[in-house]
Amino acid sequence: VQLVESGGGLVQPGGSLRLSCVASGFTFSRYAMTWYRQAPGKEREWVATVPSAVGTTNYADSVKGRFTISRDNAKNTVYLQMNSLKPEDTAVYYCNARMVRISYWGRGTQVTVSS
């Protein structure tokens, strides 16, 4: 099982990034996919979730209206489009796959928002 995040980097405030997470080794379409983030010295926090089947996506209040989570089951990939980035969005972003009690994690990708 693998989850590999990419797309992180350094961006100025107000800029955009799109993160990708490619999954392998399990039936991707059956898993809810979630992005988490962890800033230095802080606990990991939930960012957004897209369900495995038809349903609504959910976002943390801190990113609502700025971030969009989506998935492409044909490509086994989940995305996080991040717009209007703020310095407080700086963190390592992790991809998670979950189905009942089964949970897989990626290793993360660094996002730094700074001028």
C-alpha atoms as a PDB file:
ATOM      1  CA  VAL A   1       0.000   0.000   0.000  1.00  0.00           C
ATOM      2  CA  GLN A   2       1.271   3.439  -0.918  1.00  0.00           C
ATOM      3  CA  LEU A   3       0.020   6.994  -0.781  1.00  0.00           C
ATOM      4  CA  VAL A   4       2.390   9.470  -2.410  1.00  0.00           C
ATOM      5  CA  GLU A   5       1.767  13.184  -2.059  1.00  0.00           C
ATOM      6  CA  SER A   6       3.210  15.809  -4.386  1.00  0.00           C
ATOM      7  CA  GLY A   7       2.715  19.413  -5.425  1.00  0.00           C
ATOM      8  CA  GLY A   8       3.942  21.191  -2.336  1.00  0.00           C
ATOM      9  CA  GLY A   9       6.398  24.058  -2.403  1.00  0.00           C
ATOM     10  CA  LEU A  10       7.007  27.693  -1.595  1.00  0.00           C
ATOM     11  CA  VAL A  11       4.304  30.162  -2.599  1.00  0.00           C
ATOM     12  CA  GLN A  12       3.593  33.810  -1.805  1.00  0.00           C
ATOM     13  CA  PRO A  13       0.538  34.828   0.214  1.00  0.00           C
ATOM     14  CA  GLY A  14      -2.501  34.945  -2.027  1.00  0.00           C
ATOM     15  CA  GLY A  15      -1.060  32.325  -4.340  1.00  0.00           C
ATOM     16  CA  SER A  16      -2.294  28.857  -5.268  1.00  0.00           C
ATOM     17  CA  LEU A  17      -1.047  25.292  -5.206  1.00  0.00           C
ATOM     18  CA  ARG A  18      -2.572  21.977  -6.169  1.00  0.00           C
ATOM     19  CA  LEU A  19      -1.589  18.944  -4.147  1.00  0.00           C
ATOM     20  CA  SER A  20      -1.952  15.418  -5.507  1.00  0.00           C
ATOM     21  CA  CYS A  21      -1.963  12.076  -3.739  1.00  0.00           C
ATOM     22  CA  VAL A  22      -1.592   8.926  -5.817  1.00  0.00           C
ATOM     23  CA  ALA A  23      -2.727   5.681  -4.217  1.00  0.00           C
ATOM     24  CA  SER A  24      -1.735   2.112  -4.952  1.00  0.00           C
ATOM     25  CA  GLY A  25      -2.125  -1.311  -3.396  1.00  0.00           C
ATOM     26  CA  PHE A  26      -5.772  -1.060  -2.384  1.00  0.00           C
ATOM     27  CA  THR A  27      -9.199  -0.427  -3.928  1.00  0.00           C
ATOM     28  CA  PHE A  28      -9.066   3.345  -3.982  1.00  0.00           C
ATOM     29  CA  SER A  29     -12.722   3.919  -4.855  1.00  0.00           C
ATOM     30  CA  ARG A  30     -13.897   2.230  -1.644  1.00  0.00           C
ATOM     31  CA  TYR A  31     -12.015   4.579   0.642  1.00  0.00           C
ATOM     32  CA  ALA A  32     -12.875   8.018   1.914  1.00  0.00           C
ATOM     33  CA  MET A  33      -9.942  10.316   1.218  1.00  0.00           C
ATOM     34  CA  THR A  34      -8.855  13.061   3.546  1.00  0.00           C
ATOM     35  CA  TRP A  35      -6.185  15.743   3.660  1.00  0.00           C
ATOM     36  CA  TYR A  36      -4.628  16.630   7.006  1.00  0.00           C
ATOM     37  CA  ARG A  37      -1.890  19.098   7.832  1.00  0.00           C
ATOM     38  CA  GLN A  38       0.604  19.627  10.605  1.00  0.00           C
ATOM     39  CA  ALA A  39       2.348  22.914  11.271  1.00  0.00           C
ATOM     40  CA  PRO A  40       5.597  23.082  13.262  1.00  0.00           C
ATOM     41  CA  GLY A  41       4.921  22.652  16.964  1.00  0.00           C
ATOM     42  CA  LYS A  42       1.233  21.906  16.428  1.00  0.00           C
ATOM     43  CA  GLU A  43      -0.923  18.816  16.302  1.00  0.00           C
ATOM     44  CA  ARG A  44      -2.054  17.334  13.036  1.00  0.00           C
ATOM     45  CA  GLU A  45      -5.373  18.836  11.980  1.00  0.00           C
ATOM     46  CA  TRP A  46      -8.081  17.758   9.582  1.00  0.00           C
ATOM     47  CA  VAL A  47      -8.422  19.838   6.409  1.00  0.00           C
ATOM     48  CA  ALA A  48     -10.957  18.219   4.074  1.00  0.00           C
ATOM     49  CA  THR A  49     -12.625  14.914   3.211  1.00  0.00           C
ATOM     50  CA  VAL A  50     -14.164  13.500   0.052  1.00  0.00           C
ATOM     51  CA  PRO A  51     -16.336  10.396   0.574  1.00  0.00           C
ATOM     52  CA  SER A  52     -15.901   7.094  -1.184  1.00  0.00           C
ATOM     53  CA  ALA A  53     -19.305   7.219  -2.826  1.00  0.00           C
ATOM     54  CA  VAL A  54     -21.815   9.877  -3.627  1.00  0.00           C
ATOM     55  CA  GLY A  55     -21.912  12.415  -0.858  1.00  0.00           C
ATOM     56  CA  THR A  56     -20.788  15.813   0.184  1.00  0.00           C
ATOM     57  CA  THR A  57     -17.258  16.938   0.741  1.00  0.00           C
ATOM     58  CA  ASN A  58     -16.424  18.551   4.047  1.00  0.00           C
ATOM     59  CA  TYR A  59     -13.938  21.252   4.983  1.00  0.00           C
ATOM     60  CA  ALA A  60     -12.423  22.713   8.077  1.00  0.00           C
ATOM     61  CA  ASP A  61     -13.700  26.223   8.726  1.00  0.00           C
ATOM     62  CA  SER A  62     -10.170  27.579   8.321  1.00  0.00           C
ATOM     63  CA  VAL A  63     -10.021  26.529   4.649  1.00  0.00           C
ATOM     64  CA  LYS A  64     -13.682  26.657   3.593  1.00  0.00           C
ATOM     65  CA  GLY A  65     -14.140  28.734   0.456  1.00  0.00           C
ATOM     66  CA  ARG A  66     -10.417  28.637  -0.369  1.00  0.00           C
ATOM     67  CA  PHE A  67      -9.593  24.918  -0.713  1.00  0.00           C
ATOM     68  CA  THR A  68     -11.290  22.301  -2.878  1.00  0.00           C
ATOM     69  CA  ILE A  69     -10.852  18.547  -2.476  1.00  0.00           C
ATOM     70  CA  SER A  70     -11.629  16.229  -5.365  1.00  0.00           C
ATOM     71  CA  ARG A  71     -10.888  12.693  -6.493  1.00  0.00           C
ATOM     72  CA  ASP A  72     -10.371  10.831  -9.753  1.00  0.00           C
ATOM     73  CA  ASN A  73     -11.040   7.140  -9.165  1.00  0.00           C
ATOM     74  CA  ALA A  74      -9.791   6.254 -12.655  1.00  0.00           C
ATOM     75  CA  LYS A  75      -6.394   7.663 -11.709  1.00  0.00           C
ATOM     76  CA  ASN A  76      -6.437   6.576  -8.042  1.00  0.00           C
ATOM     77  CA  THR A  77      -5.719  10.171  -7.156  1.00  0.00           C
ATOM     78  CA  VAL A  78      -7.072  12.738  -4.731  1.00  0.00           C
ATOM     79  CA  TYR A  79      -6.378  16.442  -5.140  1.00  0.00           C
ATOM     80  CA  LEU A  80      -6.388  19.503  -2.950  1.00  0.00           C
ATOM     81  CA  GLN A  81      -6.671  22.783  -4.813  1.00  0.00           C
ATOM     82  CA  MET A  82      -5.528  25.554  -2.494  1.00  0.00           C
ATOM     83  CA  ASN A  83      -6.261  29.176  -3.387  1.00  0.00           C
ATOM     84  CA  SER A  84      -5.784  32.452  -1.544  1.00  0.00           C
ATOM     85  CA  LEU A  85      -3.069  30.878   0.544  1.00  0.00           C
ATOM     86  CA  LYS A  86      -2.117  32.457   3.853  1.00  0.00           C
ATOM     87  CA  PRO A  87       1.046  32.145   5.948  1.00  0.00           C
ATOM     88  CA  GLU A  88      -0.962  30.141   8.489  1.00  0.00           C
ATOM     89  CA  ASP A  89      -1.513  27.473   5.836  1.00  0.00           C
ATOM     90  CA  THR A  90       2.170  26.606   6.108  1.00  0.00           C
ATOM     91  CA  ALA A  91       2.403  22.945   7.117  1.00  0.00           C
ATOM     92  CA  VAL A  92       3.197  19.452   5.984  1.00  0.00           C
ATOM     93  CA  TYR A  93       0.121  18.148   4.189  1.00  0.00           C
ATOM     94  CA  TYR A  94      -0.753  14.468   4.507  1.00  0.00           C
ATOM     95  CA  CYS A  95      -3.076  12.275   2.528  1.00  0.00           C
ATOM     96  CA  ASN A  96      -5.181   9.656   4.341  1.00  0.00           C
ATOM     97  CA  ALA A  97      -7.324   6.794   3.057  1.00  0.00           C
ATOM     98  CA  ARG A  98      -9.928   5.346   5.402  1.00  0.00           C
ATOM     99  CA  MET A  99     -12.493   2.563   5.267  1.00  0.00           C
ATOM    100  CA  VAL A 100     -14.071   1.649   8.608  1.00  0.00           C
ATOM    101  CA  ARG A 101     -11.080   0.772  10.815  1.00  0.00           C
ATOM    102  CA  ILE A 102      -8.521   0.578   8.000  1.00  0.00           C
ATOM    103  CA  SER A 103      -6.421   3.695   7.588  1.00  0.00           C
ATOM    104  CA  TYR A 104      -3.428   4.458   5.392  1.00  0.00           C
ATOM    105  CA  TRP A 105      -1.181   7.510   5.452  1.00  0.00           C
ATOM    106  CA  GLY A 106       1.214   9.142   3.057  1.00  0.00           C
ATOM    107  CA  ARG A 107       4.513  10.722   4.073  1.00  0.00           C
ATOM    108  CA  GLY A 108       3.441  14.262   3.398  1.00  0.00           C
ATOM    109  CA  THR A 109       4.414  17.213   1.250  1.00  0.00           C
ATOM    110  CA  GLN A 110       5.640  20.551   2.579  1.00  0.00           C
ATOM    111  CA  VAL A 111       3.684  23.713   1.819  1.00  0.00           C
ATOM    112  CA  THR A 112       5.278  27.021   2.770  1.00  0.00           C
ATOM    113  CA  VAL A 113       3.433  30.309   2.326  1.00  0.00           C
ATOM    114  CA  SER A 114       5.790  33.220   2.694  1.00  0.00           C
ATOM    115  CA  SER A 115       6.799  36.430   0.986  1.00  0.00           C
END
